[in-house]
Structure formats: structure tokens, C-alpha cells
Amino acid sequence: MARIILTNKPQTDEEEHLYVYLHEKAQAHDYRAFRAEVTNVHWAHHAPTALVRTITLTLSHEWLTLAETLIEQGREIFPHDPTIGRIARTLAPPSITVVPGAAPQGLAASRMWLRTHATAYRGAWVAVYNGQLLGAAPSLDALRATIGPLEQPSSTIITHIL
């Protein structure tokens, strides 16, 4: 397998001239002029490093919209370039993946048990699962020692009855 070495150095003199030219335009802080110049570049005729350097230049001037446009072009023109892919993932909006867990079960029955039997366990810690008393003890540590690991922790009510 060939080893890929990534650099930000231009691969040709033409790319170096392009970068110097765009850098000078960016230094003028004229966004519209810079955008016009960048839009006229045919990025498919250049190496991905030229586009990466230009994206970096736009980001250094906080021209995010233009950087996003260049990244989209880069993903289309150079779909397998790891640097463009990494920049795109870094600037992509965050994504949230919801993984549904098991829904707690028997909580209504456990609450009913507590309403019915709480007076008998005043001052104690109790564990109730699906309407059944798993254990009662004078301290939380003692209760945990009594009941051991829970099979359904999200469905078990552990409380101190006052």
C-alpha cells in the first residue's frame, strides 16, 4: 500500500503563484473581490493542496460562507482527498444520534406500592421494582448490599422514606 504524504506546500510554481495572488487579494480585506477571484479558479485543474490552502486562507479571514462553498466544491472535485474530507467534517454542523433505550417499566406499580406501604418503612431506604419490594435497609449502602446489582436500574425506584 502506498503511503500518502500530505503537505500544504504547492506542487507546482503555478499553484504557488495562484496562492500568492489570492493571498494578496485576501490581505486587501475586500471580500467581494477575493470571492470573485476564487470563484473564477478552475479547481479541477489544480492539486487538492491548492484548494486546501485557499480554504485555510478564507477561514483565516473568517469568510465562512466562502469556505463552505469551496469545501463543497472540493468534496465534488476531490472526493477522496483526506484533508478536504477532514476540513468538511470539522466544519459540519454537529449531529445528534438518538439511541432509544429500554423504556422504564412498572413505575406506576412501584409508585402505588410506595403510597400503600411507605408508613411501614418510615426512616428506611427501600428499593421497589414493578410494584415489588426488592429490599429495605437503614442506609443506602446497606440497601445496595442487600439488593446487589440491578437488572433494570432505570425501572427500579430507590428512595429514602421520611
N, C-alpha and C. Protein backbone atom coordinates (compact mmCIF):
# COMPACT_ATOMS: atom_id res chain seq x y z
N MET A 1 0.84 -1.17 0.00
CA MET A 1 0.00 0.00 0.00
C MET A 1 0.89 1.24 0.00
N ALA A 2 0.57 2.18 -0.86
CA ALA A 2 1.37 3.41 -0.98
C ALA A 2 1.08 4.32 0.21
N ARG A 3 2.10 5.00 0.66
CA ARG A 3 1.96 5.95 1.76
C ARG A 3 1.71 7.33 1.18
N ILE A 4 0.67 7.98 1.67
CA ILE A 4 0.32 9.31 1.18
C ILE A 4 0.90 10.33 2.15
N ILE A 5 1.63 11.27 1.62
CA ILE A 5 2.21 12.34 2.43
C ILE A 5 1.50 13.63 2.07
N LEU A 6 0.87 14.24 3.06
CA LEU A 6 0.14 15.48 2.83
C LEU A 6 0.99 16.66 3.27
N THR A 7 1.02 17.66 2.43
CA THR A 7 1.71 18.90 2.80
C THR A 7 0.86 20.07 2.36
N ASN A 8 1.14 21.21 2.88
CA ASN A 8 0.48 22.43 2.43
C ASN A 8 1.34 23.15 1.41
N LYS A 9 2.42 22.53 1.00
CA LYS A 9 3.30 23.17 0.03
C LYS A 9 2.74 22.98 -1.36
N PRO A 10 2.86 23.97 -2.20
CA PRO A 10 2.35 23.85 -3.56
C PRO A 10 3.15 22.79 -4.32
N GLN A 11 2.48 22.13 -5.25
CA GLN A 11 3.15 21.11 -6.04
C GLN A 11 3.75 21.68 -7.32
N THR A 12 3.33 22.86 -7.71
CA THR A 12 3.87 23.47 -8.92
C THR A 12 4.08 24.96 -8.68
N ASP A 13 4.88 25.56 -9.55
CA ASP A 13 5.07 27.01 -9.49
C ASP A 13 3.75 27.73 -9.76
N GLU A 14 2.94 27.16 -10.65
CA GLU A 14 1.65 27.79 -10.97
C GLU A 14 0.77 27.86 -9.71
N GLU A 15 0.77 26.80 -8.91
CA GLU A 15 -0.02 26.82 -7.68
C GLU A 15 0.54 27.83 -6.70
N GLU A 16 1.85 27.97 -6.65
CA GLU A 16 2.45 28.95 -5.75
C GLU A 16 2.06 30.36 -6.18
N HIS A 17 2.08 30.62 -7.48
CA HIS A 17 1.67 31.94 -7.99
C HIS A 17 0.19 32.20 -7.69
N LEU A 18 -0.64 31.17 -7.86
CA LEU A 18 -2.06 31.31 -7.56
C LEU A 18 -2.26 31.66 -6.09
N TYR A 19 -1.57 30.95 -5.21
CA TYR A 19 -1.71 31.20 -3.79
C TYR A 19 -1.24 32.61 -3.42
N VAL A 20 -0.11 33.02 -3.93
CA VAL A 20 0.43 34.35 -3.63
C VAL A 20 -0.56 35.41 -4.12
N TYR A 21 -1.10 35.21 -5.31
CA TYR A 21 -2.08 36.15 -5.88
C TYR A 21 -3.32 36.23 -4.98
N LEU A 22 -3.86 35.07 -4.60
CA LEU A 22 -5.06 35.06 -3.75
C LEU A 22 -4.76 35.62 -2.36
N HIS A 23 -3.58 35.33 -1.87
CA HIS A 23 -3.19 35.85 -0.56
C HIS A 23 -3.15 37.38 -0.58
N GLU A 24 -2.60 37.94 -1.63
CA GLU A 24 -2.55 39.40 -1.76
C GLU A 24 -3.96 39.98 -1.81
N LYS A 25 -4.86 39.32 -2.56
CA LYS A 25 -6.25 39.78 -2.63
C LYS A 25 -6.92 39.71 -1.26
N ALA A 26 -6.64 38.65 -0.52
CA ALA A 26 -7.23 38.49 0.81
C ALA A 26 -6.70 39.54 1.77
N GLN A 27 -5.43 39.87 1.64
CA GLN A 27 -4.81 40.86 2.53
C GLN A 27 -5.43 42.24 2.35
N ALA A 28 -6.03 42.49 1.21
CA ALA A 28 -6.71 43.76 0.95
C ALA A 28 -8.05 43.84 1.70
N HIS A 29 -8.48 42.71 2.27
CA HIS A 29 -9.72 42.63 3.05
C HIS A 29 -10.95 43.05 2.24
N ASP A 30 -10.88 42.80 0.94
CA ASP A 30 -12.03 43.08 0.07
C ASP A 30 -12.68 41.73 -0.26
N TYR A 31 -13.67 41.37 0.54
CA TYR A 31 -14.31 40.07 0.41
C TYR A 31 -14.89 39.84 -0.98
N ARG A 32 -15.58 40.83 -1.50
CA ARG A 32 -16.21 40.66 -2.82
C ARG A 32 -15.18 40.40 -3.92
N ALA A 33 -14.10 41.15 -3.90
CA ALA A 33 -13.05 40.96 -4.92
C ALA A 33 -12.39 39.59 -4.75
N PHE A 34 -12.11 39.23 -3.52
CA PHE A 34 -11.50 37.93 -3.26
C PHE A 34 -12.42 36.81 -3.71
N ARG A 35 -13.70 36.90 -3.34
CA ARG A 35 -14.67 35.88 -3.74
C ARG A 35 -14.75 35.76 -5.25
N ALA A 36 -14.74 36.88 -5.94
CA ALA A 36 -14.80 36.86 -7.41
C ALA A 36 -13.59 36.13 -7.98
N GLU A 37 -12.40 36.40 -7.44
CA GLU A 37 -11.19 35.74 -7.92
C GLU A 37 -11.23 34.24 -7.66
N VAL A 38 -11.64 33.86 -6.45
CA VAL A 38 -11.68 32.44 -6.08
C VAL A 38 -12.72 31.70 -6.91
N THR A 39 -13.84 32.36 -7.19
CA THR A 39 -14.90 31.74 -7.96
C THR A 39 -14.46 31.46 -9.40
N ASN A 40 -13.55 32.27 -9.92
CA ASN A 40 -13.09 32.09 -11.30
C ASN A 40 -12.02 31.02 -11.47
N VAL A 41 -11.50 30.50 -10.37
CA VAL A 41 -10.47 29.47 -10.46
C VAL A 41 -11.12 28.13 -10.82
N HIS A 42 -10.54 27.42 -11.77
CA HIS A 42 -10.99 26.07 -12.14
C HIS A 42 -10.20 25.08 -11.27
N TRP A 43 -10.77 24.75 -10.10
CA TRP A 43 -10.06 23.96 -9.11
C TRP A 43 -9.73 22.56 -9.60
N ALA A 44 -10.48 22.05 -10.57
CA ALA A 44 -10.19 20.71 -11.10
C ALA A 44 -8.85 20.68 -11.83
N HIS A 45 -8.34 21.84 -12.24
CA HIS A 45 -7.05 21.91 -12.94
C HIS A 45 -5.89 22.05 -11.96
N HIS A 46 -6.17 22.03 -10.67
CA HIS A 46 -5.15 22.20 -9.65
C HIS A 46 -5.14 20.99 -8.72
N ALA A 47 -4.09 20.86 -7.98
CA ALA A 47 -4.00 19.80 -6.97
C ALA A 47 -4.88 20.16 -5.78
N PRO A 48 -5.34 19.18 -5.04
CA PRO A 48 -6.16 19.47 -3.86
C PRO A 48 -5.47 20.41 -2.86
N THR A 49 -4.14 20.36 -2.80
CA THR A 49 -3.43 21.23 -1.85
C THR A 49 -3.67 22.70 -2.14
N ALA A 50 -3.84 23.06 -3.42
CA ALA A 50 -4.11 24.47 -3.76
C ALA A 50 -5.46 24.89 -3.19
N LEU A 51 -6.43 24.02 -3.29
CA LEU A 51 -7.74 24.34 -2.75
C LEU A 51 -7.71 24.36 -1.22
N VAL A 52 -6.99 23.43 -0.61
CA VAL A 52 -6.88 23.40 0.85
C VAL A 52 -6.25 24.69 1.35
N ARG A 53 -5.21 25.15 0.69
CA ARG A 53 -4.55 26.40 1.10
C ARG A 53 -5.52 27.58 0.98
N THR A 54 -6.33 27.57 -0.06
CA THR A 54 -7.29 28.66 -0.26
C THR A 54 -8.40 28.60 0.79
N ILE A 55 -8.86 27.40 1.11
CA ILE A 55 -9.87 27.24 2.16
C ILE A 55 -9.30 27.76 3.48
N THR A 56 -8.07 27.40 3.78
CA THR A 56 -7.42 27.86 5.00
C THR A 56 -7.31 29.38 5.01
N LEU A 57 -7.00 29.95 3.87
CA LEU A 57 -6.90 31.41 3.74
C LEU A 57 -8.26 32.06 4.01
N THR A 58 -9.32 31.51 3.46
CA THR A 58 -10.65 32.09 3.69
C THR A 58 -11.05 31.97 5.16
N LEU A 59 -10.70 30.85 5.78
CA LEU A 59 -11.03 30.68 7.19
C LEU A 59 -10.23 31.64 8.07
N SER A 60 -8.98 31.91 7.68
CA SER A 60 -8.17 32.83 8.48
C SER A 60 -8.74 34.25 8.45
N HIS A 61 -9.52 34.56 7.42
CA HIS A 61 -10.19 35.87 7.33
C HIS A 61 -11.64 35.79 7.80
N GLU A 62 -12.02 34.62 8.32
CA GLU A 62 -13.37 34.39 8.84
C GLU A 62 -14.45 34.55 7.78
N TRP A 63 -14.13 34.16 6.57
CA TRP A 63 -15.10 34.17 5.48
C TRP A 63 -15.69 32.77 5.37
N LEU A 64 -16.51 32.43 6.33
CA LEU A 64 -17.00 31.08 6.49
C LEU A 64 -17.89 30.63 5.33
N THR A 65 -18.75 31.50 4.85
CA THR A 65 -19.64 31.12 3.76
C THR A 65 -18.85 30.73 2.53
N LEU A 66 -17.83 31.51 2.20
CA LEU A 66 -16.99 31.19 1.05
C LEU A 66 -16.21 29.89 1.31
N ALA A 67 -15.72 29.71 2.52
CA ALA A 67 -15.00 28.48 2.86
C ALA A 67 -15.92 27.27 2.68
N GLU A 68 -17.16 27.39 3.12
CA GLU A 68 -18.12 26.29 2.96
C GLU A 68 -18.36 25.98 1.48
N THR A 69 -18.46 27.02 0.67
CA THR A 69 -18.65 26.83 -0.77
C THR A 69 -17.45 26.10 -1.38
N LEU A 70 -16.24 26.53 -0.99
CA LEU A 70 -15.03 25.88 -1.50
C LEU A 70 -14.93 24.43 -1.03
N ILE A 71 -15.34 24.18 0.19
CA ILE A 71 -15.32 22.80 0.70
C ILE A 71 -16.27 21.93 -0.11
N GLU A 72 -17.46 22.44 -0.39
CA GLU A 72 -18.42 21.68 -1.21
C GLU A 72 -17.83 21.36 -2.58
N GLN A 73 -17.19 22.37 -3.20
CA GLN A 73 -16.56 22.14 -4.49
C GLN A 73 -15.45 21.08 -4.36
N GLY A 74 -14.67 21.21 -3.30
CA GLY A 74 -13.59 20.26 -3.08
C GLY A 74 -14.09 18.84 -2.90
N ARG A 75 -15.21 18.68 -2.18
CA ARG A 75 -15.76 17.33 -1.99
C ARG A 75 -16.24 16.74 -3.31
N GLU A 76 -16.73 17.61 -4.22
CA GLU A 76 -17.18 17.13 -5.53
C GLU A 76 -15.99 16.80 -6.45
N ILE A 77 -15.01 17.71 -6.48
CA ILE A 77 -13.88 17.55 -7.39
C ILE A 77 -12.88 16.52 -6.88
N PHE A 78 -12.61 16.53 -5.58
CA PHE A 78 -11.62 15.64 -4.98
C PHE A 78 -12.29 14.80 -3.87
N PRO A 79 -13.20 13.90 -4.24
CA PRO A 79 -13.99 13.20 -3.22
C PRO A 79 -13.16 12.32 -2.28
N HIS A 80 -11.97 11.93 -2.69
CA HIS A 80 -11.16 11.03 -1.86
C HIS A 80 -10.01 11.73 -1.15
N ASP A 81 -9.96 13.07 -1.24
CA ASP A 81 -8.86 13.78 -0.59
C ASP A 81 -9.12 13.80 0.92
N PRO A 82 -8.19 13.24 1.71
CA PRO A 82 -8.43 13.15 3.15
C PRO A 82 -8.44 14.51 3.86
N THR A 83 -7.64 15.46 3.38
CA THR A 83 -7.59 16.76 4.04
C THR A 83 -8.89 17.52 3.83
N ILE A 84 -9.39 17.53 2.62
CA ILE A 84 -10.66 18.21 2.35
C ILE A 84 -11.79 17.53 3.14
N GLY A 85 -11.76 16.21 3.19
CA GLY A 85 -12.76 15.49 3.97
C GLY A 85 -12.71 15.84 5.45
N ARG A 86 -11.49 15.94 5.99
CA ARG A 86 -11.32 16.29 7.40
C ARG A 86 -11.82 17.71 7.69
N ILE A 87 -11.51 18.64 6.79
CA ILE A 87 -11.98 20.02 6.97
C ILE A 87 -13.51 20.05 6.92
N ALA A 88 -14.09 19.31 5.97
CA ALA A 88 -15.55 19.28 5.85
C ALA A 88 -16.19 18.72 7.12
N ARG A 89 -15.64 17.65 7.67
CA ARG A 89 -16.20 17.07 8.89
C ARG A 89 -16.03 18.02 10.07
N THR A 90 -14.91 18.73 10.12
CA THR A 90 -14.66 19.65 11.23
C THR A 90 -15.65 20.81 11.21
N LEU A 91 -15.96 21.31 10.03
CA LEU A 91 -16.84 22.48 9.93
C LEU A 91 -18.32 22.11 9.78
N ALA A 92 -18.61 20.83 9.67
CA ALA A 92 -20.00 20.40 9.52
C ALA A 92 -20.77 20.69 10.81
N PRO A 93 -22.05 20.96 10.67
CA PRO A 93 -22.85 21.17 11.89
C PRO A 93 -22.84 19.89 12.73
N PRO A 94 -22.94 20.04 14.03
CA PRO A 94 -22.95 18.84 14.87
C PRO A 94 -24.18 18.00 14.57
N SER A 95 -24.02 16.71 14.73
CA SER A 95 -25.16 15.82 14.53
C SER A 95 -25.44 15.08 15.82
N ILE A 96 -26.69 14.79 16.04
CA ILE A 96 -27.11 14.09 17.25
C ILE A 96 -27.75 12.78 16.82
N THR A 97 -27.29 11.72 17.42
CA THR A 97 -27.87 10.41 17.16
C THR A 97 -28.58 9.95 18.43
N VAL A 98 -29.85 9.69 18.30
CA VAL A 98 -30.63 9.23 19.44
C VAL A 98 -30.70 7.71 19.38
N VAL A 99 -30.24 7.09 20.44
CA VAL A 99 -30.31 5.64 20.54
C VAL A 99 -31.34 5.31 21.60
N PRO A 100 -32.47 4.78 21.18
CA PRO A 100 -33.51 4.52 22.17
C PRO A 100 -33.09 3.39 23.11
N GLY A 101 -33.29 3.62 24.37
CA GLY A 101 -33.01 2.59 25.37
C GLY A 101 -34.32 1.93 25.76
N ALA A 102 -34.21 0.98 26.62
CA ALA A 102 -35.41 0.31 27.10
C ALA A 102 -36.20 1.29 27.96
N ALA A 103 -37.46 1.40 27.69
CA ALA A 103 -38.31 2.29 28.46
C ALA A 103 -38.51 1.72 29.86
N PRO A 104 -38.46 2.58 30.87
CA PRO A 104 -38.71 2.08 32.23
C PRO A 104 -40.08 1.41 32.30
N GLN A 105 -40.14 0.30 33.03
CA GLN A 105 -41.39 -0.44 33.12
C GLN A 105 -41.79 -0.58 34.58
N GLY A 106 -43.05 -0.64 34.80
CA GLY A 106 -43.56 -0.90 36.13
C GLY A 106 -43.46 0.25 37.11
N LEU A 107 -43.17 1.46 36.63
CA LEU A 107 -43.03 2.59 37.54
C LEU A 107 -44.35 2.94 38.23
N ALA A 108 -45.44 2.85 37.52
CA ALA A 108 -46.74 3.17 38.13
C ALA A 108 -47.05 2.19 39.25
N ALA A 109 -46.76 0.93 39.04
CA ALA A 109 -46.99 -0.09 40.08
C ALA A 109 -46.08 0.15 41.28
N SER A 110 -44.82 0.56 41.01
CA SER A 110 -43.89 0.83 42.11
C SER A 110 -44.32 2.05 42.91
N ARG A 111 -44.80 3.08 42.23
CA ARG A 111 -45.30 4.26 42.93
C ARG A 111 -46.52 3.92 43.80
N MET A 112 -47.37 3.07 43.26
CA MET A 112 -48.56 2.65 44.02
C MET A 112 -48.13 1.87 45.26
N TRP A 113 -47.12 1.00 45.11
CA TRP A 113 -46.62 0.24 46.27
C TRP A 113 -46.10 1.20 47.34
N LEU A 114 -45.34 2.21 46.92
CA LEU A 114 -44.80 3.18 47.87
C LEU A 114 -45.92 3.93 48.60
N ARG A 115 -46.96 4.35 47.89
CA ARG A 115 -48.08 5.06 48.53
C ARG A 115 -48.77 4.15 49.56
N THR A 116 -48.88 2.89 49.21
CA THR A 116 -49.59 1.94 50.08
C THR A 116 -48.75 1.52 51.28
N HIS A 117 -47.44 1.31 51.13
CA HIS A 117 -46.62 0.70 52.18
C HIS A 117 -45.59 1.63 52.82
N ALA A 118 -45.52 2.87 52.43
CA ALA A 118 -44.47 3.77 52.91
C ALA A 118 -44.45 3.90 54.43
N THR A 119 -45.61 3.95 55.06
CA THR A 119 -45.64 4.16 56.52
C THR A 119 -44.95 3.02 57.27
N ALA A 120 -44.98 1.83 56.72
CA ALA A 120 -44.35 0.67 57.39
C ALA A 120 -42.82 0.73 57.30
N TYR A 121 -42.27 1.57 56.40
CA TYR A 121 -40.83 1.63 56.17
C TYR A 121 -40.26 3.03 56.47
N ARG A 122 -40.96 3.79 57.33
CA ARG A 122 -40.51 5.14 57.67
C ARG A 122 -39.08 5.11 58.21
N GLY A 123 -38.20 6.00 57.64
CA GLY A 123 -36.81 6.09 58.07
C GLY A 123 -35.89 5.12 57.34
N ALA A 124 -36.43 4.25 56.50
CA ALA A 124 -35.62 3.25 55.81
C ALA A 124 -35.41 3.62 54.35
N TRP A 125 -34.39 3.03 53.78
CA TRP A 125 -34.18 3.08 52.33
C TRP A 125 -34.84 1.85 51.75
N VAL A 126 -35.59 2.03 50.65
CA VAL A 126 -36.26 0.90 50.02
C VAL A 126 -35.96 0.88 48.52
N ALA A 127 -36.01 -0.31 47.96
CA ALA A 127 -35.88 -0.49 46.51
C ALA A 127 -37.13 -1.23 46.05
N VAL A 128 -37.83 -0.66 45.06
CA VAL A 128 -39.06 -1.25 44.57
C VAL A 128 -38.96 -1.38 43.05
N TYR A 129 -39.30 -2.58 42.56
CA TYR A 129 -39.28 -2.81 41.11
C TYR A 129 -40.62 -3.43 40.71
N ASN A 130 -41.28 -2.80 39.77
CA ASN A 130 -42.53 -3.30 39.21
C ASN A 130 -43.55 -3.63 40.30
N GLY A 131 -43.62 -2.76 41.32
CA GLY A 131 -44.59 -2.95 42.39
C GLY A 131 -44.18 -3.97 43.43
N GLN A 132 -42.94 -4.46 43.39
CA GLN A 132 -42.46 -5.47 44.35
C GLN A 132 -41.29 -4.89 45.14
N LEU A 133 -41.29 -5.10 46.46
CA LEU A 133 -40.20 -4.65 47.31
C LEU A 133 -38.99 -5.56 47.06
N LEU A 134 -37.86 -4.95 46.65
CA LEU A 134 -36.63 -5.72 46.47
C LEU A 134 -35.83 -5.80 47.77
N GLY A 135 -35.95 -4.76 48.60
CA GLY A 135 -35.21 -4.76 49.86
C GLY A 135 -35.42 -3.46 50.60
N ALA A 136 -35.13 -3.49 51.89
CA ALA A 136 -35.22 -2.31 52.75
C ALA A 136 -34.05 -2.38 53.72
N ALA A 137 -33.46 -1.21 54.06
CA ALA A 137 -32.32 -1.16 54.96
C ALA A 137 -32.22 0.23 55.57
N PRO A 138 -31.49 0.34 56.69
CA PRO A 138 -31.38 1.64 57.37
C PRO A 138 -30.49 2.64 56.63
N SER A 139 -29.62 2.17 55.70
CA SER A 139 -28.75 3.09 54.95
C SER A 139 -28.73 2.68 53.48
N LEU A 140 -28.32 3.63 52.65
CA LEU A 140 -28.24 3.33 51.22
C LEU A 140 -27.19 2.26 50.96
N ASP A 141 -26.05 2.33 51.62
CA ASP A 141 -25.02 1.31 51.43
C ASP A 141 -25.53 -0.08 51.82
N ALA A 142 -26.25 -0.14 52.93
CA ALA A 142 -26.80 -1.43 53.38
C ALA A 142 -27.84 -1.94 52.38
N LEU A 143 -28.64 -1.03 51.83
CA LEU A 143 -29.63 -1.44 50.83
C LEU A 143 -28.94 -1.99 49.60
N ARG A 144 -27.92 -1.30 49.14
CA ARG A 144 -27.20 -1.77 47.95
C ARG A 144 -26.58 -3.14 48.20
N ALA A 145 -26.07 -3.36 49.39
CA ALA A 145 -25.51 -4.67 49.73
C ALA A 145 -26.60 -5.74 49.75
N THR A 146 -27.79 -5.35 50.15
CA THR A 146 -28.91 -6.30 50.23
C THR A 146 -29.44 -6.68 48.85
N ILE A 147 -29.61 -5.68 47.98
CA ILE A 147 -30.26 -5.97 46.68
C ILE A 147 -29.27 -6.37 45.60
N GLY A 148 -27.98 -6.02 45.76
CA GLY A 148 -26.98 -6.37 44.75
C GLY A 148 -27.19 -5.57 43.47
N PRO A 149 -26.57 -6.03 42.36
CA PRO A 149 -26.72 -5.31 41.09
C PRO A 149 -28.15 -5.43 40.57
N LEU A 150 -28.63 -4.36 39.98
CA LEU A 150 -30.00 -4.32 39.47
C LEU A 150 -30.05 -4.76 38.01
N GLU A 151 -31.04 -5.56 37.68
CA GLU A 151 -31.21 -5.96 36.28
C GLU A 151 -31.84 -4.84 35.46
N GLN A 152 -32.72 -4.09 36.07
CA GLN A 152 -33.43 -2.99 35.40
C GLN A 152 -33.27 -1.71 36.21
N PRO A 153 -32.06 -1.12 36.23
CA PRO A 153 -31.87 0.06 37.10
C PRO A 153 -32.79 1.23 36.76
N SER A 154 -33.11 1.43 35.48
CA SER A 154 -33.97 2.57 35.14
C SER A 154 -35.42 2.32 35.54
N SER A 155 -35.78 1.06 35.84
CA SER A 155 -37.15 0.73 36.24
C SER A 155 -37.27 0.50 37.74
N THR A 156 -36.19 0.65 38.47
CA THR A 156 -36.21 0.42 39.92
C THR A 156 -36.21 1.76 40.65
N ILE A 157 -37.12 1.89 41.57
CA ILE A 157 -37.17 3.09 42.40
C ILE A 157 -36.43 2.80 43.70
N ILE A 158 -35.41 3.62 43.98
CA ILE A 158 -34.68 3.55 45.25
C ILE A 158 -34.91 4.88 45.93
N THR A 159 -35.44 4.85 47.13
CA THR A 159 -35.76 6.08 47.83
C THR A 159 -35.64 5.91 49.34
N HIS A 160 -35.45 7.04 49.99
CA HIS A 160 -35.42 7.09 51.46
C HIS A 160 -36.79 7.59 51.89
N ILE A 161 -37.47 6.79 52.69
CA ILE A 161 -38.82 7.16 53.13
C ILE A 161 -38.71 7.95 54.43
N LEU A 162 -39.20 9.17 54.42
CA LEU A 162 -39.12 10.05 55.60
C LEU A 162 -40.35 9.92 56.47
